[in-house]
Amino acid sequence: MASKLQQGDHFPSLTFKLVSAGTITLPDEMPTRYAAVLFYRGHW
């Protein structure tokens, strides 16, 4: 099991598929130093 992020840790590089097509890689493509990431599971 992976360890949890601790204060001061760097966010790992993750690539996500966007609903509107394309992808985004975090944290490389974040427009600012601080951001919130929301996950929406959609409708089942």
PDB file of N, CA and C in Angstrom:
ATOM      1  N   MET A   1       0.842  -1.172   0.000  1.00  0.00           N
ATOM      2  CA  MET A   1       0.000   0.000   0.000  1.00  0.00           C
ATOM      3  C   MET A   1       0.890   1.239   0.000  1.00  0.00           C
ATOM      4  N   ALA A   2       0.518   2.222  -0.788  1.00  0.00           N
ATOM      5  CA  ALA A   2       1.287   3.467  -0.870  1.00  0.00           C
ATOM      6  C   ALA A   2       1.131   4.277   0.421  1.00  0.00           C
ATOM      7  N   SER A   3       2.131   5.070   0.720  1.00  0.00           N
ATOM      8  CA  SER A   3       2.052   5.900   1.922  1.00  0.00           C
ATOM      9  C   SER A   3       1.303   7.191   1.622  1.00  0.00           C
ATOM     10  N   LYS A   4       0.714   7.788   2.645  1.00  0.00           N
ATOM     11  CA  LYS A   4      -0.032   9.031   2.502  1.00  0.00           C
ATOM     12  C   LYS A   4       0.929  10.201   2.364  1.00  0.00           C
ATOM     13  N   LEU A   5       0.463  11.258   1.703  1.00  0.00           N
ATOM     14  CA  LEU A   5       1.254  12.476   1.611  1.00  0.00           C
ATOM     15  C   LEU A   5       1.316  13.141   2.976  1.00  0.00           C
ATOM     16  N   GLN A   6       2.432  13.660   3.307  1.00  0.00           N
ATOM     17  CA  GLN A   6       2.618  14.384   4.554  1.00  0.00           C
ATOM     18  C   GLN A   6       2.859  15.855   4.235  1.00  0.00           C
ATOM     19  N   GLN A   7       2.711  16.709   5.214  1.00  0.00           N
ATOM     20  CA  GLN A   7       2.957  18.126   5.011  1.00  0.00           C
ATOM     21  C   GLN A   7       4.366  18.330   4.459  1.00  0.00           C
ATOM     22  N   GLY A   8       4.476  19.112   3.394  1.00  0.00           N
ATOM     23  CA  GLY A   8       5.768  19.381   2.774  1.00  0.00           C
ATOM     24  C   GLY A   8       6.123  18.423   1.642  1.00  0.00           C
ATOM     25  N   ASP A   9       5.379  17.301   1.500  1.00  0.00           N
ATOM     26  CA  ASP A   9       5.636  16.367   0.402  1.00  0.00           C
ATOM     27  C   ASP A   9       5.232  16.988  -0.927  1.00  0.00           C
ATOM     28  N   HIS A  10       5.893  16.574  -1.995  1.00  0.00           N
ATOM     29  CA  HIS A  10       5.527  17.011  -3.333  1.00  0.00           C
ATOM     30  C   HIS A  10       4.401  16.129  -3.851  1.00  0.00           C
ATOM     31  N   PHE A  11       3.444  16.743  -4.552  1.00  0.00           N
ATOM     32  CA  PHE A  11       2.338  15.994  -5.137  1.00  0.00           C
ATOM     33  C   PHE A  11       2.882  15.130  -6.265  1.00  0.00           C
ATOM     34  N   PRO A  12       2.525  13.853  -6.309  1.00  0.00           N
ATOM     35  CA  PRO A  12       3.040  12.988  -7.376  1.00  0.00           C
ATOM     36  C   PRO A  12       2.447  13.372  -8.733  1.00  0.00           C
ATOM     37  N   SER A  13       3.160  13.112  -9.794  1.00  0.00           N
ATOM     38  CA  SER A  13       2.684  13.421 -11.135  1.00  0.00           C
ATOM     39  C   SER A  13       1.601  12.412 -11.524  1.00  0.00           C
ATOM     40  N   LEU A  14       0.396  12.926 -11.845  1.00  0.00           N
ATOM     41  CA  LEU A  14      -0.733  12.089 -12.243  1.00  0.00           C
ATOM     42  C   LEU A  14      -1.347  12.663 -13.508  1.00  0.00           C
ATOM     43  N   THR A  15      -1.760  11.792 -14.441  1.00  0.00           N
ATOM     44  CA  THR A  15      -2.419  12.229 -15.671  1.00  0.00           C
ATOM     45  C   THR A  15      -3.849  11.725 -15.652  1.00  0.00           C
ATOM     46  N   PHE A  16      -4.804  12.658 -15.923  1.00  0.00           N
ATOM     47  CA  PHE A  16      -6.229  12.345 -15.916  1.00  0.00           C
ATOM     48  C   PHE A  16      -6.833  12.619 -17.283  1.00  0.00           C
ATOM     49  N   LYS A  17      -7.814  11.786 -17.690  1.00  0.00           N
ATOM     50  CA  LYS A  17      -8.582  12.041 -18.900  1.00  0.00           C
ATOM     51  C   LYS A  17      -9.683  13.022 -18.538  1.00  0.00           C
ATOM     52  N   LEU A  18      -9.880  14.037 -19.372  1.00  0.00           N
ATOM     53  CA  LEU A  18     -10.915  15.031 -19.149  1.00  0.00           C
ATOM     54  C   LEU A  18     -12.194  14.639 -19.878  1.00  0.00           C
ATOM     55  N   VAL A  19     -13.337  14.984 -19.301  1.00  0.00           N
ATOM     56  CA  VAL A  19     -14.626  14.706 -19.921  1.00  0.00           C
ATOM     57  C   VAL A  19     -14.725  15.406 -21.275  1.00  0.00           C
ATOM     58  N   SER A  20     -14.152  16.596 -21.365  1.00  0.00           N
ATOM     59  CA  SER A  20     -14.212  17.381 -22.602  1.00  0.00           C
ATOM     60  C   SER A  20     -13.146  16.960 -23.617  1.00  0.00           C
ATOM     61  N   ALA A  21     -12.572  15.807 -23.447  1.00  0.00           N
ATOM     62  CA  ALA A  21     -11.507  15.257 -24.293  1.00  0.00           C
ATOM     63  C   ALA A  21     -10.153  15.806 -23.858  1.00  0.00           C
ATOM     64  N   GLY A  22      -9.104  15.111 -24.198  1.00  0.00           N
ATOM     65  CA  GLY A  22      -7.764  15.529 -23.806  1.00  0.00           C
ATOM     66  C   GLY A  22      -7.402  15.014 -22.432  1.00  0.00           C
ATOM     67  N   THR A  23      -6.280  15.457 -21.940  1.00  0.00           N
ATOM     68  CA  THR A  23      -5.791  15.053 -20.630  1.00  0.00           C
ATOM     69  C   THR A  23      -5.202  16.258 -19.906  1.00  0.00           C
ATOM     70  N   ILE A  24      -5.007  16.082 -18.614  1.00  0.00           N
ATOM     71  CA  ILE A  24      -4.305  17.082 -17.809  1.00  0.00           C
ATOM     72  C   ILE A  24      -3.366  16.324 -16.887  1.00  0.00           C
ATOM     73  N   THR A  25      -2.165  16.832 -16.728  1.00  0.00           N
ATOM     74  CA  THR A  25      -1.184  16.229 -15.842  1.00  0.00           C
ATOM     75  C   THR A  25      -0.983  17.148 -14.648  1.00  0.00           C
ATOM     76  N   LEU A  26      -1.198  16.600 -13.473  1.00  0.00           N
ATOM     77  CA  LEU A  26      -1.012  17.360 -12.230  1.00  0.00           C
ATOM     78  C   LEU A  26       0.255  16.891 -11.555  1.00  0.00           C
ATOM     79  N   PRO A  27       1.025  17.732 -10.961  1.00  0.00           N
ATOM     80  CA  PRO A  27       0.815  19.164 -10.791  1.00  0.00           C
ATOM     81  C   PRO A  27       1.418  20.004 -11.912  1.00  0.00           C
ATOM     82  N   ASP A  28       1.974  19.387 -12.946  1.00  0.00           N
ATOM     83  CA  ASP A  28       2.693  20.118 -14.001  1.00  0.00           C
ATOM     84  C   ASP A  28       1.848  21.173 -14.698  1.00  0.00           C
ATOM     85  N   GLU A  29       0.557  20.907 -14.896  1.00  0.00           N
ATOM     86  CA  GLU A  29      -0.297  21.815 -15.656  1.00  0.00           C
ATOM     87  C   GLU A  29      -1.224  22.652 -14.771  1.00  0.00           C
ATOM     88  N   MET A  30      -0.973  22.713 -13.482  1.00  0.00           N
ATOM     89  CA  MET A  30      -1.791  23.560 -12.609  1.00  0.00           C
ATOM     90  C   MET A  30      -1.432  25.015 -12.868  1.00  0.00           C
ATOM     91  N   PRO A  31      -2.440  25.871 -13.030  1.00  0.00           N
ATOM     92  CA  PRO A  31      -2.161  27.264 -13.350  1.00  0.00           C
ATOM     93  C   PRO A  31      -1.617  28.085 -12.177  1.00  0.00           C
ATOM     94  N   THR A  32      -1.824  27.611 -10.961  1.00  0.00           N
ATOM     95  CA  THR A  32      -1.367  28.335  -9.779  1.00  0.00           C
ATOM     96  C   THR A  32      -0.684  27.380  -8.819  1.00  0.00           C
ATOM     97  N   ARG A  33      -0.112  27.923  -7.778  1.00  0.00           N
ATOM     98  CA  ARG A  33       0.581  27.096  -6.800  1.00  0.00           C
ATOM     99  C   ARG A  33      -0.389  26.242  -5.981  1.00  0.00           C
ATOM    100  N   TYR A  34      -1.578  26.792  -5.707  1.00  0.00           N
ATOM    101  CA  TYR A  34      -2.580  26.078  -4.914  1.00  0.00           C
ATOM    102  C   TYR A  34      -3.773  25.732  -5.780  1.00  0.00           C
ATOM    103  N   ALA A  35      -4.326  24.541  -5.587  1.00  0.00           N
ATOM    104  CA  ALA A  35      -5.488  24.119  -6.370  1.00  0.00           C
ATOM    105  C   ALA A  35      -6.264  23.070  -5.586  1.00  0.00           C
ATOM    106  N   ALA A  36      -7.518  22.926  -5.939  1.00  0.00           N
ATOM    107  CA  ALA A  36      -8.371  21.873  -5.374  1.00  0.00           C
ATOM    108  C   ALA A  36      -8.702  20.907  -6.498  1.00  0.00           C
ATOM    109  N   VAL A  37      -8.655  19.624  -6.208  1.00  0.00           N
ATOM    110  CA  VAL A  37      -8.987  18.609  -7.198  1.00  0.00           C
ATOM    111  C   VAL A  37     -10.275  17.938  -6.735  1.00  0.00           C
ATOM    112  N   LEU A  38     -11.312  17.999  -7.581  1.00  0.00           N
ATOM    113  CA  LEU A  38     -12.604  17.401  -7.260  1.00  0.00           C
ATOM    114  C   LEU A  38     -12.831  16.191  -8.152  1.00  0.00           C
ATOM    115  N   PHE A  39     -13.287  15.097  -7.559  1.00  0.00           N
ATOM    116  CA  PHE A  39     -13.601  13.887  -8.309  1.00  0.00           C
ATOM    117  C   PHE A  39     -15.111  13.694  -8.268  1.00  0.00           C
ATOM    118  N   TYR A  40     -15.706  13.582  -9.432  1.00  0.00           N
ATOM    119  CA  TYR A  40     -17.150  13.372  -9.550  1.00  0.00           C
ATOM    120  C   TYR A  40     -17.364  12.005 -10.175  1.00  0.00           C
ATOM    121  N   ARG A  41     -18.021  11.130  -9.468  1.00  0.00           N
ATOM    122  CA  ARG A  41     -18.190   9.756  -9.959  1.00  0.00           C
ATOM    123  C   ARG A  41     -19.226   9.639 -11.042  1.00  0.00           C
ATOM    124  N   GLY A  42     -20.044  10.672 -11.247  1.00  0.00           N
ATOM    125  CA  GLY A  42     -21.066  10.641 -12.284  1.00  0.00           C
ATOM    126  C   GLY A  42     -22.283   9.852 -11.834  1.00  0.00           C
ATOM    127  N   HIS A  43     -23.102   9.471 -12.790  1.00  0.00           N
ATOM    128  CA  HIS A  43     -24.341   8.730 -12.499  1.00  0.00           C
ATOM    129  C   HIS A  43     -24.127   7.262 -12.827  1.00  0.00           C
ATOM    130  N   TRP A  44     -24.619   6.400 -11.970  1.00  0.00           N
ATOM    131  CA  TRP A  44     -24.450   4.963 -12.193  1.00  0.00           C
ATOM    132  C   TRP A  44     -25.702   4.388 -12.769  1.00  0.00           C
TER     133      TRP A  44
END
